[in-house]
Amino acid sequence: MFASRVDADRLRFRDRPETDVRFRGSAGRTSASRSERRNLPDRVTGAGEHRDVRVDYLLTSRLDPLAGA
C-alpha cells in the first residue's frame, strides 16, 4: 500500500493536467487506486486558481494466491 497527502494554500494550472494510472507487470495481482480531493474538481481545467487544496491518494496492490494455480 502507498498513501500520500498533498496540501496547498494556493494551486494554479496553466494547462489541463493529463494523468494516467497503469498497473504493469505480471498477472496474478489485484491493484487499485483512488483519490479524494478538497477544493479541487475531479476534472481540473487550465483556468483558475484553487485555494486550500488537499489531495489524498491511495494505491494498493496484492498478490492473488489463486493465480497460476
N, C-alpha and C. Protein backbone atom coordinates (compact mmCIF):
# COMPACT_ATOMS: atom_id res chain seq x y z
N MET A 1 0.85 -1.16 0.00
CA MET A 1 0.00 0.00 0.00
C MET A 1 0.90 1.24 0.00
N PHE A 2 0.49 2.22 -0.75
CA PHE A 2 1.16 3.52 -0.81
C PHE A 2 0.10 4.58 -0.59
N ALA A 3 0.35 5.47 0.35
CA ALA A 3 -0.60 6.55 0.62
C ALA A 3 0.15 7.87 0.67
N SER A 4 -0.45 8.90 0.12
CA SER A 4 0.17 10.22 0.16
C SER A 4 -0.89 11.29 0.35
N ARG A 5 -0.43 12.44 0.84
CA ARG A 5 -1.32 13.59 1.02
C ARG A 5 -0.55 14.83 0.58
N VAL A 6 -1.23 15.67 -0.18
CA VAL A 6 -0.67 16.94 -0.61
C VAL A 6 -1.62 18.05 -0.17
N ASP A 7 -1.08 19.04 0.52
CA ASP A 7 -1.84 20.22 0.93
C ASP A 7 -1.23 21.44 0.26
N ALA A 8 -2.08 22.36 -0.18
CA ALA A 8 -1.59 23.60 -0.79
C ALA A 8 -2.50 24.76 -0.40
N ASP A 9 -1.89 25.88 -0.06
CA ASP A 9 -2.67 27.09 0.19
C ASP A 9 -3.26 27.62 -1.11
N ARG A 10 -2.48 27.50 -2.19
CA ARG A 10 -2.90 28.02 -3.49
C ARG A 10 -2.32 27.12 -4.58
N LEU A 11 -3.13 26.80 -5.58
CA LEU A 11 -2.70 25.92 -6.66
C LEU A 11 -3.28 26.44 -7.97
N ARG A 12 -2.43 26.56 -8.97
CA ARG A 12 -2.86 27.06 -10.28
C ARG A 12 -2.24 26.19 -11.37
N PHE A 13 -3.05 25.86 -12.37
CA PHE A 13 -2.59 25.09 -13.53
C PHE A 13 -2.63 26.00 -14.75
N ARG A 14 -1.57 26.00 -15.54
CA ARG A 14 -1.58 26.75 -16.80
C ARG A 14 -2.37 25.98 -17.86
N ASP A 15 -2.17 24.67 -17.88
CA ASP A 15 -2.85 23.79 -18.83
C ASP A 15 -3.59 22.72 -18.06
N ARG A 16 -4.53 22.11 -18.72
CA ARG A 16 -5.25 21.00 -18.11
C ARG A 16 -4.29 19.84 -17.89
N PRO A 17 -4.12 19.37 -16.66
CA PRO A 17 -3.17 18.28 -16.41
C PRO A 17 -3.67 16.96 -17.01
N GLU A 18 -2.73 16.18 -17.49
CA GLU A 18 -3.04 14.84 -18.01
C GLU A 18 -2.51 13.83 -17.00
N THR A 19 -3.39 12.98 -16.52
CA THR A 19 -2.98 11.97 -15.55
C THR A 19 -3.34 10.59 -16.07
N ASP A 20 -2.59 9.60 -15.62
CA ASP A 20 -2.81 8.24 -16.06
C ASP A 20 -2.25 7.30 -15.00
N VAL A 21 -3.00 6.29 -14.65
CA VAL A 21 -2.53 5.27 -13.71
C VAL A 21 -2.58 3.94 -14.44
N ARG A 22 -1.44 3.26 -14.47
CA ARG A 22 -1.36 1.94 -15.13
C ARG A 22 -0.70 0.96 -14.18
N PHE A 23 -1.17 -0.25 -14.23
CA PHE A 23 -0.58 -1.32 -13.44
C PHE A 23 0.06 -2.30 -14.41
N ARG A 24 1.37 -2.30 -14.43
CA ARG A 24 2.10 -3.16 -15.37
C ARG A 24 2.79 -4.28 -14.61
N GLY A 25 3.20 -5.26 -15.36
CA GLY A 25 3.93 -6.37 -14.76
C GLY A 25 3.19 -7.67 -15.00
N SER A 26 3.54 -8.64 -14.21
CA SER A 26 2.96 -9.96 -14.39
C SER A 26 1.53 -10.02 -13.86
N ALA A 27 0.81 -10.97 -14.39
CA ALA A 27 -0.56 -11.20 -13.91
C ALA A 27 -0.48 -11.82 -12.52
N GLY A 28 -1.61 -11.96 -11.89
CA GLY A 28 -1.63 -12.61 -10.59
C GLY A 28 -1.66 -11.63 -9.43
N ARG A 29 -2.12 -10.44 -9.69
CA ARG A 29 -2.25 -9.48 -8.60
C ARG A 29 -3.50 -8.64 -8.82
N THR A 30 -3.97 -8.06 -7.76
CA THR A 30 -5.12 -7.17 -7.81
C THR A 30 -4.64 -5.80 -7.36
N SER A 31 -4.88 -4.78 -8.18
CA SER A 31 -4.41 -3.43 -7.87
C SER A 31 -5.55 -2.43 -8.03
N ALA A 32 -5.48 -1.37 -7.26
CA ALA A 32 -6.49 -0.31 -7.35
C ALA A 32 -5.89 0.99 -6.84
N SER A 33 -6.46 2.09 -7.29
CA SER A 33 -6.05 3.40 -6.78
C SER A 33 -7.28 4.29 -6.67
N ARG A 34 -7.18 5.28 -5.78
CA ARG A 34 -8.27 6.25 -5.66
C ARG A 34 -7.70 7.52 -5.05
N SER A 35 -8.41 8.61 -5.28
CA SER A 35 -8.01 9.87 -4.68
C SER A 35 -9.24 10.59 -4.14
N GLU A 36 -9.01 11.34 -3.09
CA GLU A 36 -10.05 12.19 -2.52
C GLU A 36 -9.51 13.60 -2.54
N ARG A 37 -10.35 14.54 -2.96
CA ARG A 37 -9.91 15.92 -3.14
C ARG A 37 -10.77 16.88 -2.33
N ARG A 38 -10.13 17.92 -1.87
CA ARG A 38 -10.84 19.01 -1.20
C ARG A 38 -10.55 20.30 -1.96
N ASN A 39 -11.59 21.00 -2.35
CA ASN A 39 -11.50 22.27 -3.07
C ASN A 39 -10.78 22.14 -4.42
N LEU A 40 -10.91 20.99 -5.02
CA LEU A 40 -10.33 20.74 -6.34
C LEU A 40 -11.29 19.83 -7.09
N PRO A 41 -11.73 20.24 -8.29
CA PRO A 41 -12.69 19.41 -9.02
C PRO A 41 -12.05 18.11 -9.52
N ASP A 42 -12.86 17.11 -9.81
CA ASP A 42 -12.34 15.84 -10.34
C ASP A 42 -11.62 16.05 -11.67
N ARG A 43 -12.15 16.93 -12.49
CA ARG A 43 -11.52 17.26 -13.78
C ARG A 43 -11.07 18.71 -13.72
N VAL A 44 -9.79 18.91 -13.59
CA VAL A 44 -9.23 20.25 -13.47
C VAL A 44 -9.05 20.84 -14.87
N THR A 45 -9.44 22.09 -15.03
CA THR A 45 -9.19 22.79 -16.29
C THR A 45 -7.92 23.63 -16.12
N GLY A 46 -7.45 24.20 -17.19
CA GLY A 46 -6.25 25.02 -17.12
C GLY A 46 -6.49 26.41 -16.57
N ALA A 47 -7.72 26.78 -16.38
CA ALA A 47 -8.03 28.14 -15.94
C ALA A 47 -8.36 28.17 -14.46
N GLY A 48 -8.03 29.27 -13.83
CA GLY A 48 -8.46 29.47 -12.45
C GLY A 48 -7.44 29.07 -11.42
N GLU A 49 -7.70 29.53 -10.22
CA GLU A 49 -6.84 29.26 -9.10
C GLU A 49 -7.66 28.54 -8.03
N HIS A 50 -7.05 27.60 -7.37
CA HIS A 50 -7.72 26.82 -6.34
C HIS A 50 -7.03 27.10 -5.01
N ARG A 51 -7.82 27.29 -3.97
CA ARG A 51 -7.26 27.63 -2.65
C ARG A 51 -7.62 26.57 -1.61
N ASP A 52 -6.73 26.44 -0.63
CA ASP A 52 -6.91 25.49 0.47
C ASP A 52 -7.21 24.09 -0.08
N VAL A 53 -6.27 23.59 -0.88
CA VAL A 53 -6.44 22.32 -1.60
C VAL A 53 -5.81 21.18 -0.81
N ARG A 54 -6.47 20.03 -0.86
CA ARG A 54 -5.90 18.80 -0.31
C ARG A 54 -6.24 17.66 -1.26
N VAL A 55 -5.24 16.81 -1.51
CA VAL A 55 -5.46 15.59 -2.29
C VAL A 55 -4.87 14.43 -1.50
N ASP A 56 -5.70 13.44 -1.21
CA ASP A 56 -5.26 12.18 -0.60
C ASP A 56 -5.29 11.12 -1.67
N TYR A 57 -4.18 10.38 -1.81
CA TYR A 57 -4.07 9.36 -2.85
C TYR A 57 -3.72 8.03 -2.20
N LEU A 58 -4.38 6.97 -2.64
CA LEU A 58 -4.13 5.64 -2.11
C LEU A 58 -3.96 4.66 -3.25
N LEU A 59 -2.89 3.89 -3.19
CA LEU A 59 -2.59 2.85 -4.18
C LEU A 59 -2.40 1.54 -3.43
N THR A 60 -3.14 0.52 -3.83
CA THR A 60 -2.99 -0.80 -3.21
C THR A 60 -2.75 -1.84 -4.28
N SER A 61 -1.98 -2.84 -3.92
CA SER A 61 -1.72 -3.96 -4.82
C SER A 61 -1.44 -5.18 -3.96
N ARG A 62 -2.01 -6.30 -4.34
CA ARG A 62 -1.77 -7.52 -3.59
C ARG A 62 -1.69 -8.70 -4.55
N LEU A 63 -0.94 -9.69 -4.15
CA LEU A 63 -0.82 -10.91 -4.95
C LEU A 63 -2.07 -11.74 -4.80
N ASP A 64 -2.47 -12.36 -5.89
CA ASP A 64 -3.63 -13.24 -5.89
C ASP A 64 -3.11 -14.66 -5.72
N PRO A 65 -3.34 -15.29 -4.56
CA PRO A 65 -2.78 -16.62 -4.30
C PRO A 65 -3.33 -17.70 -5.24
N LEU A 66 -4.46 -17.46 -5.88
CA LEU A 66 -5.05 -18.45 -6.78
C LEU A 66 -4.55 -18.31 -8.21
N ALA A 67 -3.83 -17.25 -8.51
CA ALA A 67 -3.34 -17.04 -9.87
C ALA A 67 -2.28 -18.08 -10.20
N GLY A 68 -2.38 -18.61 -11.37
CA GLY A 68 -1.41 -19.60 -11.82
C GLY A 68 -1.62 -20.98 -11.22
N ALA A 69 -2.70 -21.17 -10.47
CA ALA A 69 -2.95 -22.48 -9.85
C ALA A 69 -3.63 -23.40 -10.83
